Amino acid sequence: MSKECSIVADLLPLYQDGVCTEASRELVETHLAGCARCQRLAKQISQELAAPAKVEEIDALKGIKKRFNKKQKKAFLIGISATLVVFFLLFAAHCTWWYTHEYRRYAPFAEGKPRSEEYDGDVLYYTWCDEQYEYDVLVPHFLEWGGHVAMQRTTGNAQEEPEGVYIGRVGGEYVFSVVVNTADGPKNYVVDRDLNNYEGLGSDEDPSQAELEANKDAIQQLVNDAIKAWPFLGE
């Protein structure tokens, strides 16, 4: 290696970084124009100086990707959690509504009563009898719909349809669908506990107020017997 090559070799790193003097730059470029050996050295130094920058860029990109993936994963987990919370709240609200408006409509009528062996998958049957009536209560299973409360006479059933009471609820008030046997056959009256007529909730032809008054004693007796069987109806 000549003396000039040694000087150029020492100047090449400064030349590559652009920090050498104008005189040194001219010396290096003039020498490189006619020296293949120093040209190869200059190319090697250039590649070595560029390599760390590429590594740093790659590391920086990896860091950005890692942060992006972390944020994406966090956003996904937050989305899943929010969905589960909303689903749970909706389910809880639905269960609460069902318990209040469906289950509690029928369950109080069956409290303390024997459950029947009869079962159809949607309701639980409760049946029992006393000296005058047979009682039937159907309580819906969890999140099922359609219960039933009824009491029918077991004595004096000469008519085809026995006298009795079917109990429902309109809004927050219990309603009595009362069947009484008259000279013209069975008649159905839908009344509250004070025997006010609920028009439109009875048979196809709602009995008139006069008809209701004519059979008031029989209706009142059945309503009183229902309240006696389930005292909370009179509260």
Protein backbone atom coordinates (compact mmCIF):
# COMPACT_ATOMS: atom_id res chain seq x y z
CA MET A 1 0.00 0.00 0.00
CA SER A 2 1.46 3.35 -1.04
CA LYS A 3 1.77 6.31 1.28
CA GLU A 4 -1.03 8.12 -0.59
CA CYS A 5 -3.29 5.06 -0.25
CA SER A 6 -2.65 5.06 3.50
CA ILE A 7 -3.58 8.75 3.75
CA VAL A 8 -6.76 8.20 1.66
CA ALA A 9 -7.69 5.15 3.78
CA ASP A 10 -7.51 7.32 6.89
CA LEU A 11 -9.60 10.04 5.24
CA LEU A 12 -12.29 7.75 3.76
CA PRO A 13 -14.47 7.53 6.94
CA LEU A 14 -14.46 11.35 7.20
CA TYR A 15 -15.09 11.61 3.46
CA GLN A 16 -18.03 9.19 3.67
CA ASP A 17 -19.53 11.21 6.54
CA GLY A 18 -18.97 14.50 4.65
CA VAL A 19 -16.95 16.12 7.47
CA CYS A 20 -13.52 16.34 5.84
CA THR A 21 -12.07 19.60 4.51
CA GLU A 22 -12.46 20.65 0.90
CA ALA A 23 -8.75 19.92 0.25
CA SER A 24 -9.04 16.44 1.75
CA ARG A 25 -12.22 15.77 -0.29
CA GLU A 26 -10.45 16.73 -3.52
CA LEU A 27 -7.44 14.58 -2.60
CA VAL A 28 -9.62 11.53 -1.93
CA GLU A 29 -11.70 11.90 -5.08
CA THR A 30 -8.61 12.41 -7.26
CA HIS A 31 -6.98 9.32 -5.76
CA LEU A 32 -10.11 7.17 -6.02
CA ALA A 33 -10.40 7.99 -9.69
CA GLY A 34 -7.22 6.08 -10.42
CA CYS A 35 -6.98 3.50 -7.59
CA ALA A 36 -9.14 0.37 -7.78
CA ARG A 37 -7.93 -0.86 -4.40
CA CYS A 38 -9.07 2.29 -2.61
CA GLN A 39 -12.33 2.22 -4.55
CA ARG A 40 -13.11 -1.22 -3.08
CA LEU A 41 -12.13 0.06 0.38
CA ALA A 42 -14.38 3.10 -0.04
CA LYS A 43 -17.29 0.84 -1.08
CA GLN A 44 -16.72 -1.45 1.93
CA ILE A 45 -16.64 1.50 4.34
CA SER A 46 -19.83 2.89 2.77
CA GLN A 47 -21.62 -0.45 3.28
CA GLU A 48 -20.42 -0.73 6.88
CA LEU A 49 -21.60 2.79 7.67
CA ALA A 50 -25.01 2.12 6.07
CA ALA A 51 -25.62 -1.26 7.77
CA PRO A 52 -26.22 0.04 11.34
CA ALA A 53 -28.72 2.55 9.99
CA LYS A 54 -30.69 -0.25 8.32
CA VAL A 55 -30.64 -2.29 11.51
CA GLU A 56 -31.89 0.70 13.48
CA GLU A 57 -34.65 1.27 10.94
CA ILE A 58 -35.69 -2.37 11.10
CA ASP A 59 -35.69 -2.26 14.91
CA ALA A 60 -37.74 0.94 14.82
CA LEU A 61 -40.27 -0.66 12.45
CA LYS A 62 -40.43 -3.73 14.67
CA GLY A 63 -41.11 -1.49 17.65
CA ILE A 64 -43.88 0.34 15.81
CA LYS A 65 -45.44 -2.95 14.69
CA LYS A 66 -45.23 -4.34 18.21
CA ARG A 67 -46.95 -1.26 19.66
CA PHE A 68 -49.60 -1.39 16.93
CA ASN A 69 -50.28 -5.09 17.57
CA LYS A 70 -50.46 -4.42 21.29
CA LYS A 71 -52.97 -1.60 20.79
CA GLN A 72 -54.95 -3.72 18.33
CA LYS A 73 -55.08 -6.60 20.80
CA LYS A 74 -56.10 -4.24 23.59
CA ALA A 75 -58.86 -2.73 21.43
CA PHE A 76 -60.09 -6.24 20.53
CA LEU A 77 -60.20 -7.28 24.19
CA ILE A 78 -62.00 -4.07 25.13
CA GLY A 79 -64.53 -4.70 22.35
CA ILE A 80 -65.13 -8.28 23.49
CA SER A 81 -65.46 -7.17 27.12
CA ALA A 82 -67.89 -4.40 26.21
CA THR A 83 -69.98 -6.84 24.15
CA LEU A 84 -70.10 -9.33 27.02
CA VAL A 85 -71.08 -6.60 29.49
CA VAL A 86 -73.88 -5.37 27.21
CA PHE A 87 -75.08 -8.96 26.65
CA PHE A 88 -75.04 -9.64 30.41
CA LEU A 89 -76.96 -6.43 31.16
CA LEU A 90 -79.55 -7.19 28.49
CA PHE A 91 -79.92 -10.77 29.73
CA ALA A 92 -80.22 -9.58 33.34
CA ALA A 93 -82.85 -7.01 32.29
CA HIS A 94 -84.77 -9.69 30.38
CA CYS A 95 -84.65 -12.06 33.36
CA THR A 96 -85.79 -9.31 35.70
CA TRP A 97 -88.68 -8.40 33.40
CA TRP A 98 -89.69 -12.07 33.06
CA TYR A 99 -89.51 -12.64 36.82
CA THR A 100 -91.61 -9.55 37.56
CA HIS A 101 -94.19 -9.79 34.77
CA GLU A 102 -94.46 -13.53 34.19
CA TYR A 103 -93.16 -15.70 37.02
CA ARG A 104 -94.50 -13.56 39.89
CA ARG A 105 -97.85 -13.43 38.12
CA TYR A 106 -98.42 -17.15 38.81
CA ALA A 107 -95.89 -18.39 41.40
CA PRO A 108 -97.65 -16.86 44.46
CA PHE A 109 -100.75 -18.96 43.72
CA ALA A 110 -98.72 -22.18 44.05
CA GLU A 111 -96.67 -21.38 47.16
CA GLY A 112 -96.89 -24.22 49.66
CA LYS A 113 -98.97 -26.39 47.34
CA PRO A 114 -98.15 -29.89 46.03
CA ARG A 115 -96.74 -30.15 42.55
CA SER A 116 -98.48 -32.48 40.12
CA GLU A 117 -96.69 -35.26 38.26
CA GLU A 118 -98.05 -33.80 35.04
CA TYR A 119 -95.41 -31.94 33.03
CA ASP A 120 -95.18 -30.59 29.49
CA GLY A 121 -91.74 -28.96 29.44
CA ASP A 122 -92.86 -25.33 29.65
CA VAL A 123 -94.80 -25.15 32.91
CA LEU A 124 -94.99 -26.76 36.33
CA TYR A 125 -98.42 -28.00 37.37
CA TYR A 126 -99.84 -27.57 40.88
CA THR A 127 -103.21 -29.15 41.60
CA TRP A 128 -105.15 -29.69 44.81
CA CYS A 129 -108.77 -29.95 45.99
CA ASP A 130 -110.95 -29.06 48.93
CA GLU A 131 -114.61 -29.81 49.66
CA GLN A 132 -115.88 -27.39 47.00
CA TYR A 133 -113.20 -26.67 44.42
CA GLU A 134 -110.43 -28.11 42.36
CA TYR A 135 -107.48 -25.71 42.00
CA ASP A 136 -105.10 -25.66 39.06
CA VAL A 137 -102.00 -23.47 38.83
CA LEU A 138 -99.49 -23.57 35.99
CA VAL A 139 -96.19 -21.79 36.69
CA PRO A 140 -93.86 -21.22 33.71
CA HIS A 141 -90.31 -22.55 33.76
CA PHE A 142 -87.34 -20.18 33.62
CA LEU A 143 -87.84 -17.71 30.75
CA GLU A 144 -90.89 -19.62 29.51
CA TRP A 145 -94.26 -17.96 29.04
CA GLY A 146 -97.89 -18.79 29.62
CA GLY A 147 -99.16 -19.62 33.09
CA HIS A 148 -102.67 -20.35 34.31
CA VAL A 149 -104.69 -20.00 37.51
CA ALA A 150 -108.15 -21.53 37.92
CA MET A 151 -110.58 -22.91 40.48
CA GLN A 152 -113.68 -24.92 39.51
CA ARG A 153 -116.51 -26.32 41.56
CA THR A 154 -116.39 -30.03 42.23
CA THR A 155 -119.95 -30.10 43.66
CA GLY A 156 -123.26 -29.33 42.03
CA ASN A 157 -121.95 -29.62 38.48
CA ALA A 158 -125.20 -30.50 36.75
CA GLN A 159 -124.36 -28.08 33.98
CA GLU A 160 -121.99 -29.03 31.18
CA GLU A 161 -119.53 -26.28 32.15
CA PRO A 162 -118.70 -26.11 35.87
CA GLU A 163 -118.81 -22.82 37.70
CA GLY A 164 -115.42 -21.41 38.50
CA VAL A 165 -112.93 -18.57 38.33
CA TYR A 166 -109.96 -17.97 36.05
CA ILE A 167 -107.60 -15.38 37.44
CA GLY A 168 -105.43 -13.09 35.35
CA ARG A 169 -103.71 -9.77 35.68
CA VAL A 170 -104.30 -6.57 33.77
CA GLY A 171 -101.55 -4.04 34.51
CA GLY A 172 -101.04 -4.27 38.25
CA GLU A 173 -104.56 -5.46 39.05
CA TYR A 174 -105.96 -8.96 39.33
CA VAL A 175 -108.96 -9.73 37.15
CA PHE A 176 -111.50 -12.51 37.68
CA SER A 177 -113.04 -14.34 34.72
CA VAL A 178 -116.08 -15.85 36.42
CA VAL A 179 -118.28 -18.59 34.95
CA VAL A 180 -121.74 -18.96 36.53
CA ASN A 181 -124.60 -21.19 35.51
CA THR A 182 -127.82 -19.35 34.74
CA ALA A 183 -131.21 -20.39 33.41
CA ASP A 184 -129.88 -19.53 29.96
CA GLY A 185 -126.76 -21.62 30.40
CA PRO A 186 -123.22 -20.78 31.50
CA LYS A 187 -122.34 -17.09 31.48
CA ASN A 188 -118.87 -15.57 31.63
CA TYR A 189 -118.19 -12.28 33.41
CA VAL A 190 -114.82 -10.55 33.66
CA VAL A 191 -114.67 -8.36 36.75
CA ASP A 192 -112.30 -6.90 39.29
CA ARG A 193 -112.62 -7.71 42.99
CA ASP A 194 -115.24 -4.96 43.34
CA LEU A 195 -117.26 -6.56 40.53
CA ASN A 196 -116.64 -3.78 38.04
CA ASN A 197 -117.11 -5.16 34.55
CA TYR A 198 -114.02 -5.40 32.30
CA GLU A 199 -115.56 -5.01 28.87
CA GLY A 200 -113.72 -6.66 26.01
CA LEU A 201 -111.97 -9.26 28.13
CA GLY A 202 -114.78 -11.75 28.39
CA SER A 203 -116.66 -13.81 25.81
CA ASP A 204 -117.45 -12.71 22.25
CA GLU A 205 -120.57 -11.01 23.56
CA ASP A 206 -119.82 -9.25 26.83
CA PRO A 207 -122.71 -9.50 29.30
CA SER A 208 -124.49 -6.26 30.00
CA GLN A 209 -124.33 -4.51 33.36
CA ALA A 210 -127.93 -5.59 33.93
CA GLU A 211 -126.98 -9.24 33.41
CA LEU A 212 -124.05 -8.80 35.77
CA GLU A 213 -126.37 -7.32 38.42
CA ALA A 214 -128.82 -10.20 37.93
CA ASN A 215 -126.10 -12.74 38.75
CA LYS A 216 -124.18 -10.56 41.19
CA ASP A 217 -124.60 -12.87 44.20
CA ALA A 218 -123.24 -15.92 42.37
CA ILE A 219 -120.36 -13.91 40.94
CA GLN A 220 -119.58 -12.35 44.31
CA GLN A 221 -119.55 -15.76 46.00
CA LEU A 222 -117.00 -17.15 43.53
CA VAL A 223 -114.81 -14.05 43.80
CA ASN A 224 -114.97 -14.24 47.61
CA ASP A 225 -114.02 -17.92 47.53
CA ALA A 226 -111.05 -17.12 45.30
CA ILE A 227 -109.90 -14.40 47.70
CA LYS A 228 -110.36 -16.82 50.58
CA ALA A 229 -108.12 -19.36 48.80
CA TRP A 230 -105.53 -16.68 47.93
CA PRO A 231 -105.85 -13.83 50.48
CA PHE A 232 -103.37 -11.58 48.62
CA LEU A 233 -106.05 -11.11 45.94
CA GLY A 234 -107.97 -8.95 48.36
CA GLU A 235 -105.04 -6.76 49.39
